[in-house]
Amino acid sequence: MVVDPGAAAVLVVACVIAIVEATQSLSAEECFAVGLNRATLMCSSCDTLKEFNLEALEANCRQCCNVDDVNATPTKYPRAQLEVCG
């Protein structure tokens, strides 16, 4: 099998660009500047942006989100207190 060196080079460059873009993340300050809270933003929230026609925000969302732990059990608290101010 003969592989065209030019095609192989293009494929390698495309893969490197995809990896770099996928691994880049924004700092907490940069995320806050675009309206996202890095401390609480879960990546599963980025998946729902398409439902609301907000695909333009997905790139920033992916760079600011925390990976969801799908194996985690939900935190249960012994009680809650509701205060009504008025």
C-alpha atoms as a PDB file:
ATOM      1  CA  MET A   1       0.000   0.000   0.000  1.00  0.00           C
ATOM      2  CA  VAL A   2       1.431   3.359  -1.054  1.00  0.00           C
ATOM      3  CA  VAL A   3       0.547   6.409   1.038  1.00  0.00           C
ATOM      4  CA  ASP A   4       0.788   9.909  -0.367  1.00  0.00           C
ATOM      5  CA  PRO A   5       3.160  11.879   1.945  1.00  0.00           C
ATOM      6  CA  GLY A   6       1.154  15.074   1.458  1.00  0.00           C
ATOM      7  CA  ALA A   7      -2.103  13.428   2.524  1.00  0.00           C
ATOM      8  CA  ALA A   8      -0.411  11.847   5.532  1.00  0.00           C
ATOM      9  CA  ALA A   9       1.002  15.224   6.588  1.00  0.00           C
ATOM     10  CA  VAL A  10      -2.416  16.868   6.323  1.00  0.00           C
ATOM     11  CA  LEU A  11      -3.943  14.096   8.427  1.00  0.00           C
ATOM     12  CA  VAL A  12      -1.266  14.459  11.116  1.00  0.00           C
ATOM     13  CA  VAL A  13      -1.687  18.242  11.266  1.00  0.00           C
ATOM     14  CA  ALA A  14      -5.474  17.913  11.518  1.00  0.00           C
ATOM     15  CA  CYS A  15      -5.142  15.416  14.368  1.00  0.00           C
ATOM     16  CA  VAL A  16      -2.701  17.647  16.258  1.00  0.00           C
ATOM     17  CA  ILE A  17      -5.001  20.654  15.904  1.00  0.00           C
ATOM     18  CA  ALA A  18      -7.993  18.649  17.152  1.00  0.00           C
ATOM     19  CA  ILE A  19      -6.059  17.394  20.173  1.00  0.00           C
ATOM     20  CA  VAL A  20      -4.774  20.855  21.079  1.00  0.00           C
ATOM     21  CA  GLU A  21      -8.230  22.404  20.815  1.00  0.00           C
ATOM     22  CA  ALA A  22      -9.772  19.630  22.894  1.00  0.00           C
ATOM     23  CA  THR A  23      -7.238  19.955  25.701  1.00  0.00           C
ATOM     24  CA  GLN A  24      -7.218  23.740  25.971  1.00  0.00           C
ATOM     25  CA  SER A  25      -9.127  25.151  28.895  1.00  0.00           C
ATOM     26  CA  LEU A  26      -9.832  28.654  30.078  1.00  0.00           C
ATOM     27  CA  SER A  27      -8.876  30.025  33.477  1.00  0.00           C
ATOM     28  CA  ALA A  28     -11.561  30.735  36.059  1.00  0.00           C
ATOM     29  CA  GLU A  29     -11.276  34.464  35.296  1.00  0.00           C
ATOM     30  CA  GLU A  30     -11.620  33.910  31.539  1.00  0.00           C
ATOM     31  CA  CYS A  31     -14.661  31.702  32.093  1.00  0.00           C
ATOM     32  CA  PHE A  32     -16.235  34.310  34.355  1.00  0.00           C
ATOM     33  CA  ALA A  33     -15.579  36.976  31.689  1.00  0.00           C
ATOM     34  CA  VAL A  34     -17.694  34.997  29.185  1.00  0.00           C
ATOM     35  CA  GLY A  35     -20.427  34.432  31.776  1.00  0.00           C
ATOM     36  CA  LEU A  36     -19.560  30.905  32.945  1.00  0.00           C
ATOM     37  CA  ASN A  37     -18.727  29.696  36.453  1.00  0.00           C
ATOM     38  CA  ARG A  38     -15.920  27.169  36.136  1.00  0.00           C
ATOM     39  CA  ALA A  39     -16.372  25.967  39.726  1.00  0.00           C
ATOM     40  CA  THR A  40     -19.911  24.704  39.173  1.00  0.00           C
ATOM     41  CA  LEU A  41     -20.263  24.134  35.416  1.00  0.00           C
ATOM     42  CA  MET A  42     -20.605  20.452  34.517  1.00  0.00           C
ATOM     43  CA  CYS A  43     -19.867  19.223  30.991  1.00  0.00           C
ATOM     44  CA  SER A  44     -23.294  17.583  30.774  1.00  0.00           C
ATOM     45  CA  SER A  45     -24.737  21.112  30.808  1.00  0.00           C
ATOM     46  CA  CYS A  46     -22.831  21.864  27.597  1.00  0.00           C
ATOM     47  CA  ASP A  47     -24.685  18.996  25.907  1.00  0.00           C
ATOM     48  CA  THR A  48     -28.044  20.716  26.420  1.00  0.00           C
ATOM     49  CA  LEU A  49     -27.060  23.969  24.676  1.00  0.00           C
ATOM     50  CA  LYS A  50     -28.149  22.561  21.296  1.00  0.00           C
ATOM     51  CA  GLU A  51     -31.707  22.164  22.580  1.00  0.00           C
ATOM     52  CA  PHE A  52     -31.910  25.945  23.016  1.00  0.00           C
ATOM     53  CA  ASN A  53     -30.082  26.903  19.787  1.00  0.00           C
ATOM     54  CA  LEU A  54     -27.008  28.046  21.752  1.00  0.00           C
ATOM     55  CA  GLU A  55     -24.373  26.101  19.819  1.00  0.00           C
ATOM     56  CA  ALA A  56     -22.211  29.250  19.651  1.00  0.00           C
ATOM     57  CA  LEU A  57     -21.569  28.941  23.408  1.00  0.00           C
ATOM     58  CA  GLU A  58     -20.525  25.284  23.294  1.00  0.00           C
ATOM     59  CA  ALA A  59     -16.809  25.861  22.609  1.00  0.00           C
ATOM     60  CA  ASN A  60     -16.417  28.144  25.652  1.00  0.00           C
ATOM     61  CA  CYS A  61     -18.612  25.848  27.705  1.00  0.00           C
ATOM     62  CA  ARG A  62     -16.404  22.837  26.922  1.00  0.00           C
ATOM     63  CA  GLN A  63     -13.286  24.813  27.873  1.00  0.00           C
ATOM     64  CA  CYS A  64     -14.762  25.816  31.240  1.00  0.00           C
ATOM     65  CA  CYS A  65     -16.656  22.708  32.346  1.00  0.00           C
ATOM     66  CA  ASN A  66     -15.831  19.995  34.865  1.00  0.00           C
ATOM     67  CA  VAL A  67     -16.141  16.396  33.741  1.00  0.00           C
ATOM     68  CA  ASP A  68     -19.190  14.721  35.224  1.00  0.00           C
ATOM     69  CA  ASP A  69     -18.502  11.733  37.442  1.00  0.00           C
ATOM     70  CA  VAL A  70     -21.099   9.295  36.132  1.00  0.00           C
ATOM     71  CA  ASN A  71     -20.293   6.767  38.872  1.00  0.00           C
ATOM     72  CA  ALA A  72     -20.786   9.194  41.754  1.00  0.00           C
ATOM     73  CA  THR A  73     -23.681   8.709  44.112  1.00  0.00           C
ATOM     74  CA  PRO A  74     -25.803  11.760  44.836  1.00  0.00           C
ATOM     75  CA  THR A  75     -25.074  13.593  48.070  1.00  0.00           C
ATOM     76  CA  LYS A  76     -27.831  13.225  50.642  1.00  0.00           C
ATOM     77  CA  TYR A  77     -28.112  15.680  53.488  1.00  0.00           C
ATOM     78  CA  PRO A  78     -29.761  14.877  56.842  1.00  0.00           C
ATOM     79  CA  ARG A  79     -32.075  17.890  56.664  1.00  0.00           C
ATOM     80  CA  ALA A  80     -32.794  21.165  54.918  1.00  0.00           C
ATOM     81  CA  GLN A  81     -34.055  24.461  56.235  1.00  0.00           C
ATOM     82  CA  LEU A  82     -36.243  26.713  54.113  1.00  0.00           C
ATOM     83  CA  GLU A  83     -36.432  30.355  55.110  1.00  0.00           C
ATOM     84  CA  VAL A  84     -38.985  32.680  53.560  1.00  0.00           C
ATOM     85  CA  CYS A  85     -38.003  36.332  53.594  1.00  0.00           C
ATOM     86  CA  GLY A  86     -40.616  38.924  52.988  1.00  0.00           C
END
